[in-house]
């Protein structure tokens, strides 16, 4: 079995693959103070609850944007989780996946591991010019050509950050729930006005950026696949008409693909 770990700024998503089948998935808070021992306790408890024997794990792959938490996870995996590992845990970086995707940016080493993982996963699925939009703590657009070249992208504040800023930096605007569907752009209450601003505003921004990126990548009128992932993808997709595909497990699947390709090589 393969244990995949995606360490984000807000949450860490882990999964277990049996072959190419995802048999377990868990979402944890990314606590930068967690030790390797504590991570092992949490993981083994989740495995036990799912009826999974951790001794069946023979491979581990990790993508992280939190360096000190990545180190704790690597230590946890080596010391506690997998006595039957075929090799040391694989950590994703520009250096380790440069043979799987060509990175055509000014500073390849600074490209986030999660962005490369998403790009590889999406390209394996579509084999075309594409944009991956990841709705996380930050929202990222990652552009990959039909030749599997990562050419850059966009980063801007995520929905949670914007909501928190509205509630904490203004005197009368409350914390709100944006999960309710909005049909009309014009809000008739403060809460509706805030919710509509987030939903329709981010939707319009996503469409505008996707259209501009597509034109810059391939020219006017040509097709670029737009794939969305991340916790807020399904929330925003009804308001962003250019999102063609939603894959909530894109990053986990990318980690599996990377591990399998590196193992075969």
C-alpha atoms as a PDB file:
ATOM      1  CA  UNK A   1       0.000   0.000   0.000  1.00  0.00           C
ATOM      2  CA  UNK A   2       1.080   3.580  -0.656  1.00  0.00           C
ATOM      3  CA  UNK A   3       0.687   6.339   1.958  1.00  0.00           C
ATOM      4  CA  UNK A   4       0.382   9.803   0.360  1.00  0.00           C
ATOM      5  CA  UNK A   5       0.694  13.025   2.368  1.00  0.00           C
ATOM      6  CA  UNK A   6      -0.216  16.530   1.163  1.00  0.00           C
ATOM      7  CA  UNK A   7       0.885  19.117   3.756  1.00  0.00           C
ATOM      8  CA  UNK A   8      -0.805  22.476   3.237  1.00  0.00           C
ATOM      9  CA  UNK A   9      -0.721  25.688   5.240  1.00  0.00           C
ATOM     10  CA  UNK A  10      -4.106  25.088   6.872  1.00  0.00           C
ATOM     11  CA  UNK A  11      -4.716  21.348   6.503  1.00  0.00           C
ATOM     12  CA  UNK A  12      -2.828  18.146   5.830  1.00  0.00           C
ATOM     13  CA  UNK A  13      -4.634  15.612   3.666  1.00  0.00           C
ATOM     14  CA  UNK A  14      -3.433  12.019   3.769  1.00  0.00           C
ATOM     15  CA  UNK A  15      -4.552   9.002   1.815  1.00  0.00           C
ATOM     16  CA  UNK A  16      -3.868   5.303   1.397  1.00  0.00           C
ATOM     17  CA  UNK A  17      -3.761   3.643  -2.015  1.00  0.00           C
ATOM     18  CA  UNK A  18      -4.078  -0.054  -2.668  1.00  0.00           C
ATOM     19  CA  UNK A  19      -2.751  -0.169  -6.207  1.00  0.00           C
ATOM     20  CA  UNK A  20      -4.530   2.693  -7.994  1.00  0.00           C
ATOM     21  CA  UNK A  21      -7.550   2.600  -5.653  1.00  0.00           C
ATOM     22  CA  UNK A  22      -7.885   5.181  -2.861  1.00  0.00           C
ATOM     23  CA  UNK A  23      -9.008   3.155   0.156  1.00  0.00           C
ATOM     24  CA  UNK A  24      -8.670   5.765   2.899  1.00  0.00           C
ATOM     25  CA  UNK A  25      -8.509   9.539   3.144  1.00  0.00           C
ATOM     26  CA  UNK A  26      -8.173  11.877   6.139  1.00  0.00           C
ATOM     27  CA  UNK A  27      -7.997  15.649   6.636  1.00  0.00           C
ATOM     28  CA  UNK A  28      -6.072  17.039   9.610  1.00  0.00           C
ATOM     29  CA  UNK A  29      -5.187  20.513  10.807  1.00  0.00           C
ATOM     30  CA  UNK A  30      -1.621  21.480   9.871  1.00  0.00           C
ATOM     31  CA  UNK A  31      -0.226  22.039  13.348  1.00  0.00           C
ATOM     32  CA  UNK A  32       3.368  23.228  12.969  1.00  0.00           C
ATOM     33  CA  UNK A  33       4.134  22.217  16.571  1.00  0.00           C
ATOM     34  CA  UNK A  34       3.267  18.543  16.102  1.00  0.00           C
ATOM     35  CA  UNK A  35       6.115  16.131  16.760  1.00  0.00           C
ATOM     36  CA  UNK A  36       6.861  12.973  14.811  1.00  0.00           C
ATOM     37  CA  UNK A  37       5.540  10.891  17.691  1.00  0.00           C
ATOM     38  CA  UNK A  38       2.264  12.808  17.814  1.00  0.00           C
ATOM     39  CA  UNK A  39       1.770  12.468  14.075  1.00  0.00           C
ATOM     40  CA  UNK A  40       2.352   8.719  14.376  1.00  0.00           C
ATOM     41  CA  UNK A  41      -0.228   8.413  17.148  1.00  0.00           C
ATOM     42  CA  UNK A  42      -2.821  10.298  15.084  1.00  0.00           C
ATOM     43  CA  UNK A  43      -2.140   8.323  11.915  1.00  0.00           C
ATOM     44  CA  UNK A  44      -2.162   4.911  13.559  1.00  0.00           C
ATOM     45  CA  UNK A  45      -5.419   5.777  15.305  1.00  0.00           C
ATOM     46  CA  UNK A  46      -7.012   6.695  11.976  1.00  0.00           C
ATOM     47  CA  UNK A  47      -5.703   3.515  10.362  1.00  0.00           C
ATOM     48  CA  UNK A  48      -7.124   1.450  13.217  1.00  0.00           C
ATOM     49  CA  UNK A  49     -10.522   3.146  12.950  1.00  0.00           C
ATOM     50  CA  UNK A  50     -10.589   2.280   9.241  1.00  0.00           C
ATOM     51  CA  UNK A  51      -9.489  -1.308   9.884  1.00  0.00           C
ATOM     52  CA  UNK A  52      -6.201  -0.816   7.986  1.00  0.00           C
ATOM     53  CA  UNK A  53      -2.968  -2.534   9.021  1.00  0.00           C
ATOM     54  CA  UNK A  54      -0.159   0.046   8.775  1.00  0.00           C
ATOM     55  CA  UNK A  55       2.337  -2.781   8.293  1.00  0.00           C
ATOM     56  CA  UNK A  56       0.988  -3.153   4.745  1.00  0.00           C
ATOM     57  CA  UNK A  57       2.437   0.242   3.782  1.00  0.00           C
ATOM     58  CA  UNK A  58       5.439  -0.236   1.498  1.00  0.00           C
ATOM     59  CA  UNK A  59       5.753   3.266   0.039  1.00  0.00           C
ATOM     60  CA  UNK A  60       5.342   6.873   1.179  1.00  0.00           C
ATOM     61  CA  UNK A  61       5.322  10.117  -0.829  1.00  0.00           C
ATOM     62  CA  UNK A  62       5.051  13.611   0.631  1.00  0.00           C
ATOM     63  CA  UNK A  63       4.325  17.063  -0.830  1.00  0.00           C
ATOM     64  CA  UNK A  64       4.635  19.982   1.559  1.00  0.00           C
ATOM     65  CA  UNK A  65       4.565  23.776   1.656  1.00  0.00           C
ATOM     66  CA  UNK A  66       5.433  23.803   5.402  1.00  0.00           C
ATOM     67  CA  UNK A  67       9.119  22.874   5.800  1.00  0.00           C
ATOM     68  CA  UNK A  68       9.224  22.133   9.539  1.00  0.00           C
ATOM     69  CA  UNK A  69       6.061  20.037   9.356  1.00  0.00           C
ATOM     70  CA  UNK A  70       7.493  18.162   6.381  1.00  0.00           C
ATOM     71  CA  UNK A  71      10.522  17.246   8.503  1.00  0.00           C
ATOM     72  CA  UNK A  72       8.273  15.967  11.294  1.00  0.00           C
ATOM     73  CA  UNK A  73       6.270  13.834   8.854  1.00  0.00           C
ATOM     74  CA  UNK A  74       9.406  12.360   7.276  1.00  0.00           C
ATOM     75  CA  UNK A  75      10.703  11.451  10.726  1.00  0.00           C
ATOM     76  CA  UNK A  76       7.319  10.020  11.702  1.00  0.00           C
ATOM     77  CA  UNK A  77       7.187   7.822   8.610  1.00  0.00           C
ATOM     78  CA  UNK A  78      10.728   6.545   8.987  1.00  0.00           C
ATOM     79  CA  UNK A  79      10.500   5.769  12.686  1.00  0.00           C
ATOM     80  CA  UNK A  80       6.911   4.681  13.252  1.00  0.00           C
ATOM     81  CA  UNK A  81       4.562   4.141  10.348  1.00  0.00           C
ATOM     82  CA  UNK A  82       6.095   1.759   7.891  1.00  0.00           C
ATOM     83  CA  UNK A  83       8.564  -0.954   8.924  1.00  0.00           C
ATOM     84  CA  UNK A  84       8.241  -2.531   5.474  1.00  0.00           C
ATOM     85  CA  UNK A  85       9.168   0.453   3.309  1.00  0.00           C
ATOM     86  CA  UNK A  86      10.821  -0.452   0.009  1.00  0.00           C
ATOM     87  CA  UNK A  87      12.624   2.922   0.046  1.00  0.00           C
ATOM     88  CA  UNK A  88      12.839   6.113   2.102  1.00  0.00           C
ATOM     89  CA  UNK A  89       9.826   8.451   1.918  1.00  0.00           C
ATOM     90  CA  UNK A  90       9.838  10.373  -1.366  1.00  0.00           C
ATOM     91  CA  UNK A  91       9.505  14.142  -0.923  1.00  0.00           C
ATOM     92  CA  UNK A  92       8.293  16.121  -3.924  1.00  0.00           C
ATOM     93  CA  UNK A  93      10.246  19.139  -5.145  1.00  0.00           C
ATOM     94  CA  UNK A  94      11.330  20.667  -8.412  1.00  0.00           C
ATOM     95  CA  UNK A  95      14.498  18.585  -8.177  1.00  0.00           C
ATOM     96  CA  UNK A  96      12.738  15.263  -7.634  1.00  0.00           C
ATOM     97  CA  UNK A  97      10.084  15.627 -10.366  1.00  0.00           C
ATOM     98  CA  UNK A  98      12.116  17.481 -12.979  1.00  0.00           C
ATOM     99  CA  UNK A  99      12.152  14.338 -15.104  1.00  0.00           C
ATOM    100  CA  UNK A 100       8.330  14.174 -15.056  1.00  0.00           C
ATOM    101  CA  UNK A 101       7.469  17.794 -15.848  1.00  0.00           C
ATOM    102  CA  UNK A 102       9.605  20.498 -17.455  1.00  0.00           C
ATOM    103  CA  UNK A 103       9.623  23.602 -15.264  1.00  0.00           C
ATOM    104  CA  UNK A 104       9.970  26.715 -17.412  1.00  0.00           C
ATOM    105  CA  UNK A 105      10.008  29.432 -14.766  1.00  0.00           C
ATOM    106  CA  UNK A 106      12.726  31.871 -13.734  1.00  0.00           C
ATOM    107  CA  UNK A 107      13.329  30.069 -10.423  1.00  0.00           C
ATOM    108  CA  UNK A 108      12.158  26.436 -10.654  1.00  0.00           C
ATOM    109  CA  UNK A 109      13.191  25.664  -7.093  1.00  0.00           C
ATOM    110  CA  UNK A 110      10.644  28.084  -5.642  1.00  0.00           C
ATOM    111  CA  UNK A 111       7.607  26.442  -7.278  1.00  0.00           C
ATOM    112  CA  UNK A 112       5.458  24.843  -4.568  1.00  0.00           C
ATOM    113  CA  UNK A 113       5.449  21.054  -4.460  1.00  0.00           C
ATOM    114  CA  UNK A 114       1.646  20.943  -4.455  1.00  0.00           C
ATOM    115  CA  UNK A 115       1.515  23.003  -7.659  1.00  0.00           C
ATOM    116  CA  UNK A 116       3.825  20.584  -9.453  1.00  0.00           C
ATOM    117  CA  UNK A 117       1.861  17.599  -8.179  1.00  0.00           C
ATOM    118  CA  UNK A 118      -1.408  19.096  -9.452  1.00  0.00           C
ATOM    119  CA  UNK A 119       0.124  19.912 -12.806  1.00  0.00           C
ATOM    120  CA  UNK A 120       1.449  16.380 -13.290  1.00  0.00           C
ATOM    121  CA  UNK A 121      -1.863  14.802 -12.225  1.00  0.00           C
ATOM    122  CA  UNK A 122      -3.937  17.002 -14.539  1.00  0.00           C
ATOM    123  CA  UNK A 123      -1.595  16.522 -17.509  1.00  0.00           C
ATOM    124  CA  UNK A 124      -1.680  12.737 -17.082  1.00  0.00           C
ATOM    125  CA  UNK A 125      -5.468  12.934 -17.284  1.00  0.00           C
ATOM    126  CA  UNK A 126      -5.908  15.385 -20.194  1.00  0.00           C
ATOM    127  CA  UNK A 127      -2.582  15.528 -22.103  1.00  0.00           C
ATOM    128  CA  UNK A 128      -3.462  19.027 -23.331  1.00  0.00           C
ATOM    129  CA  UNK A 129      -2.914  22.698 -22.532  1.00  0.00           C
ATOM    130  CA  UNK A 130      -4.482  23.181 -19.119  1.00  0.00           C
ATOM    131  CA  UNK A 131      -4.932  25.364 -16.059  1.00  0.00           C
ATOM    132  CA  UNK A 132      -5.297  23.891 -12.584  1.00  0.00           C
ATOM    133  CA  UNK A 133      -7.076  26.072 -10.006  1.00  0.00           C
ATOM    134  CA  UNK A 134      -6.474  24.987  -6.411  1.00  0.00           C
ATOM    135  CA  UNK A 135      -8.827  26.536  -3.851  1.00  0.00           C
ATOM    136  CA  UNK A 136      -6.776  26.400  -0.662  1.00  0.00           C
ATOM    137  CA  UNK A 137      -5.541  28.930   1.899  1.00  0.00           C
ATOM    138  CA  UNK A 138      -4.316  30.722  -1.202  1.00  0.00           C
ATOM    139  CA  UNK A 139      -5.933  30.216  -4.599  1.00  0.00           C
ATOM    140  CA  UNK A 140      -3.409  29.189  -7.221  1.00  0.00           C
ATOM    141  CA  UNK A 141      -3.611  28.954 -10.994  1.00  0.00           C
ATOM    142  CA  UNK A 142      -1.017  26.617 -12.503  1.00  0.00           C
ATOM    143  CA  UNK A 143      -0.430  26.543 -16.248  1.00  0.00           C
ATOM    144  CA  UNK A 144       0.813  23.415 -18.028  1.00  0.00           C
ATOM    145  CA  UNK A 145       1.281  23.071 -21.756  1.00  0.00           C
ATOM    146  CA  UNK A 146       0.332  20.094 -23.903  1.00  0.00           C
ATOM    147  CA  UNK A 147       4.048  19.156 -23.827  1.00  0.00           C
ATOM    148  CA  UNK A 148       3.909  18.841 -20.025  1.00  0.00           C
ATOM    149  CA  UNK A 149       5.746  22.082 -19.374  1.00  0.00           C
ATOM    150  CA  UNK A 150       4.978  24.036 -16.209  1.00  0.00           C
ATOM    151  CA  UNK A 151       5.154  27.685 -17.306  1.00  0.00           C
ATOM    152  CA  UNK A 152       3.964  29.529 -14.184  1.00  0.00           C
ATOM    153  CA  UNK A 153       0.706  30.803 -12.778  1.00  0.00           C
ATOM    154  CA  UNK A 154      -1.051  33.100 -10.358  1.00  0.00           C
ATOM    155  CA  UNK A 155      -1.373  33.233  -6.562  1.00  0.00           C
ATOM    156  CA  UNK A 156      -3.922  35.305  -4.654  1.00  0.00           C
ATOM    157  CA  UNK A 157      -5.700  35.219  -1.265  1.00  0.00           C
ATOM    158  CA  UNK A 158      -8.154  32.399  -0.697  1.00  0.00           C
ATOM    159  CA  UNK A 159     -11.789  32.725   0.290  1.00  0.00           C
ATOM    160  CA  UNK A 160     -11.166  32.016   3.972  1.00  0.00           C
ATOM    161  CA  UNK A 161      -8.569  34.781   4.171  1.00  0.00           C
ATOM    162  CA  UNK A 162     -10.936  37.278   2.548  1.00  0.00           C
ATOM    163  CA  UNK A 163     -13.804  36.377   4.883  1.00  0.00           C
ATOM    164  CA  UNK A 164     -11.556  36.646   7.928  1.00  0.00           C
ATOM    165  CA  UNK A 165     -10.280  40.042   6.797  1.00  0.00           C
ATOM    166  CA  UNK A 166     -13.827  41.357   6.324  1.00  0.00           C
ATOM    167  CA  UNK A 167     -14.917  40.217   9.788  1.00  0.00           C
ATOM    168  CA  UNK A 168     -11.812  41.269  11.705  1.00  0.00           C
ATOM    169  CA  UNK A 169     -10.928  44.544   9.959  1.00  0.00           C
ATOM    170  CA  UNK A 170     -14.401  46.088   9.948  1.00  0.00           C
ATOM    171  CA  UNK A 171     -16.548  47.192  12.880  1.00  0.00           C
ATOM    172  CA  UNK A 172     -19.973  45.902  11.830  1.00  0.00           C
ATOM    173  CA  UNK A 173     -19.422  43.086   9.337  1.00  0.00           C
ATOM    174  CA  UNK A 174     -19.933  39.642  10.911  1.00  0.00           C
ATOM    175  CA  UNK A 175     -18.396  36.227  10.327  1.00  0.00           C
ATOM    176  CA  UNK A 176     -20.643  34.525   7.774  1.00  0.00           C
ATOM    177  CA  UNK A 177     -21.335  31.133   6.224  1.00  0.00           C
ATOM    178  CA  UNK A 178     -20.914  31.175   2.441  1.00  0.00           C
ATOM    179  CA  UNK A 179     -22.139  27.629   1.843  1.00  0.00           C
ATOM    180  CA  UNK A 180     -25.722  28.754   1.096  1.00  0.00           C
ATOM    181  CA  UNK A 181     -26.513  29.167  -2.619  1.00  0.00           C
ATOM    182  CA  UNK A 182     -27.144  32.674  -3.957  1.00  0.00           C
ATOM    183  CA  UNK A 183     -29.388  33.223  -6.977  1.00  0.00           C
ATOM    184  CA  UNK A 184     -29.291  37.022  -7.220  1.00  0.00           C
ATOM    185  CA  UNK A 185     -26.181  39.170  -7.266  1.00  0.00           C
ATOM    186  CA  UNK A 186     -27.775  42.043  -5.343  1.00  0.00           C
ATOM    187  CA  UNK A 187     -27.966  41.278  -1.634  1.00  0.00           C
ATOM    188  CA  UNK A 188     -30.845  42.706   0.409  1.00  0.00           C
ATOM    189  CA  UNK A 189     -29.181  42.148   3.806  1.00  0.00           C
ATOM    190  CA  UNK A 190     -25.623  42.659   5.018  1.00  0.00           C
ATOM    191  CA  UNK A 191     -25.023  38.912   5.192  1.00  0.00           C
ATOM    192  CA  UNK A 192     -26.391  38.409   1.675  1.00  0.00           C
ATOM    193  CA  UNK A 193     -24.280  41.267   0.357  1.00  0.00           C
ATOM    194  CA  UNK A 194     -21.147  39.750   1.869  1.00  0.00           C
ATOM    195  CA  UNK A 195     -21.943  36.227   0.680  1.00  0.00           C
ATOM    196  CA  UNK A 196     -22.771  37.393  -2.838  1.00  0.00           C
ATOM    197  CA  UNK A 197     -19.601  39.450  -2.955  1.00  0.00           C
ATOM    198  CA  UNK A 198     -17.556  36.342  -2.213  1.00  0.00           C
ATOM    199  CA  UNK A 199     -19.444  33.906  -4.449  1.00  0.00           C
ATOM    200  CA  UNK A 200     -20.119  36.065  -7.502  1.00  0.00           C
ATOM    201  CA  UNK A 201     -16.957  38.114  -7.020  1.00  0.00           C
ATOM    202  CA  UNK A 202     -14.613  35.150  -6.886  1.00  0.00           C
ATOM    203  CA  UNK A 203     -16.544  33.442  -9.683  1.00  0.00           C
ATOM    204  CA  UNK A 204     -16.139  36.461 -11.963  1.00  0.00           C
ATOM    205  CA  UNK A 205     -12.471  36.778 -11.037  1.00  0.00           C
ATOM    206  CA  UNK A 206     -11.857  33.080 -11.764  1.00  0.00           C
ATOM    207  CA  UNK A 207     -13.527  33.373 -15.180  1.00  0.00           C
ATOM    208  CA  UNK A 208     -11.689  36.567 -16.046  1.00  0.00           C
ATOM    209  CA  UNK A 209      -8.295  35.173 -15.106  1.00  0.00           C
ATOM    210  CA  UNK A 210      -8.947  31.829 -16.810  1.00  0.00           C
ATOM    211  CA  UNK A 211      -9.936  33.637 -20.009  1.00  0.00           C
ATOM    212  CA  UNK A 212      -6.857  35.849 -19.939  1.00  0.00           C
ATOM    213  CA  UNK A 213      -4.526  32.932 -19.191  1.00  0.00           C
ATOM    214  CA  UNK A 214      -6.048  30.856 -21.988  1.00  0.00           C
ATOM    215  CA  UNK A 215      -5.558  33.682 -24.480  1.00  0.00           C
ATOM    216  CA  UNK A 216      -1.945  34.134 -23.347  1.00  0.00           C
ATOM    217  CA  UNK A 217      -1.163  30.409 -23.484  1.00  0.00           C
ATOM    218  CA  UNK A 218      -2.702  29.350 -26.791  1.00  0.00           C
ATOM    219  CA  UNK A 219      -4.254  32.397 -28.454  1.00  0.00           C
ATOM    220  CA  UNK A 220      -7.766  33.708 -28.965  1.00  0.00           C
ATOM    221  CA  UNK A 221     -10.492  31.113 -29.497  1.00  0.00           C
ATOM    222  CA  UNK A 222      -8.405  28.020 -28.721  1.00  0.00           C
ATOM    223  CA  UNK A 223      -9.316  25.576 -25.966  1.00  0.00           C
ATOM    224  CA  UNK A 224      -7.574  25.151 -22.612  1.00  0.00           C
ATOM    225  CA  UNK A 225      -8.848  22.646 -20.047  1.00  0.00           C
ATOM    226  CA  UNK A 226      -9.658  24.256 -16.689  1.00  0.00           C
ATOM    227  CA  UNK A 227      -9.554  21.867 -13.723  1.00  0.00           C
ATOM    228  CA  UNK A 228     -10.442  22.850 -10.160  1.00  0.00           C
ATOM    229  CA  UNK A 229      -9.473  21.173  -6.907  1.00  0.00           C
ATOM    230  CA  UNK A 230      -9.347  22.081  -3.226  1.00  0.00           C
ATOM    231  CA  UNK A 231     -11.913  22.471  -0.475  1.00  0.00           C
ATOM    232  CA  UNK A 232     -13.778  25.439  -1.979  1.00  0.00           C
ATOM    233  CA  UNK A 233     -13.861  24.240  -5.599  1.00  0.00           C
ATOM    234  CA  UNK A 234     -17.454  22.960  -5.554  1.00  0.00           C
ATOM    235  CA  UNK A 235     -18.612  26.074  -3.706  1.00  0.00           C
ATOM    236  CA  UNK A 236     -17.337  28.477  -6.361  1.00  0.00           C
ATOM    237  CA  UNK A 237     -17.809  26.367  -9.499  1.00  0.00           C
ATOM    238  CA  UNK A 238     -21.499  27.339 -10.015  1.00  0.00           C
ATOM    239  CA  UNK A 239     -20.349  30.974 -10.300  1.00  0.00           C
ATOM    240  CA  UNK A 240     -17.329  30.323 -12.545  1.00  0.00           C
ATOM    241  CA  UNK A 241     -18.533  29.108 -15.916  1.00  0.00           C
ATOM    242  CA  UNK A 242     -15.084  28.310 -17.338  1.00  0.00           C
ATOM    243  CA  UNK A 243     -14.303  25.572 -14.806  1.00  0.00           C
ATOM    244  CA  UNK A 244     -14.724  22.421 -16.863  1.00  0.00           C
ATOM    245  CA  UNK A 245     -13.741  19.730 -14.353  1.00  0.00           C
ATOM    246  CA  UNK A 246     -13.641  19.348 -10.581  1.00  0.00           C
ATOM    247  CA  UNK A 247     -11.360  16.745  -9.019  1.00  0.00           C
ATOM    248  CA  UNK A 248     -11.235  16.900  -5.202  1.00  0.00           C
ATOM    249  CA  UNK A 249      -8.540  14.199  -5.067  1.00  0.00           C
ATOM    250  CA  UNK A 250      -6.279  15.657  -7.748  1.00  0.00           C
ATOM    251  CA  UNK A 251      -3.304  16.209  -5.424  1.00  0.00           C
ATOM    252  CA  UNK A 252      -3.515  12.758  -3.841  1.00  0.00           C
ATOM    253  CA  UNK A 253      -3.771  11.183  -7.287  1.00  0.00           C
ATOM    254  CA  UNK A 254      -0.785  13.228  -8.432  1.00  0.00           C
ATOM    255  CA  UNK A 255       1.271  11.939  -5.522  1.00  0.00           C
ATOM    256  CA  UNK A 256       0.376   8.360  -6.462  1.00  0.00           C
ATOM    257  CA  UNK A 257       1.318   8.957 -10.097  1.00  0.00           C
ATOM    258  CA  UNK A 258       4.643  10.517  -9.138  1.00  0.00           C
ATOM    259  CA  UNK A 259       5.525   7.671  -6.793  1.00  0.00           C
ATOM    260  CA  UNK A 260       4.623   5.021  -9.366  1.00  0.00           C
ATOM    261  CA  UNK A 261       6.629   6.698 -12.125  1.00  0.00           C
ATOM    262  CA  UNK A 262       9.668   7.259  -9.921  1.00  0.00           C
ATOM    263  CA  UNK A 263       9.535   3.673  -8.677  1.00  0.00           C
ATOM    264  CA  UNK A 264       9.344   2.296 -12.211  1.00  0.00           C
ATOM    265  CA  UNK A 265      12.332   4.397 -13.249  1.00  0.00           C
END
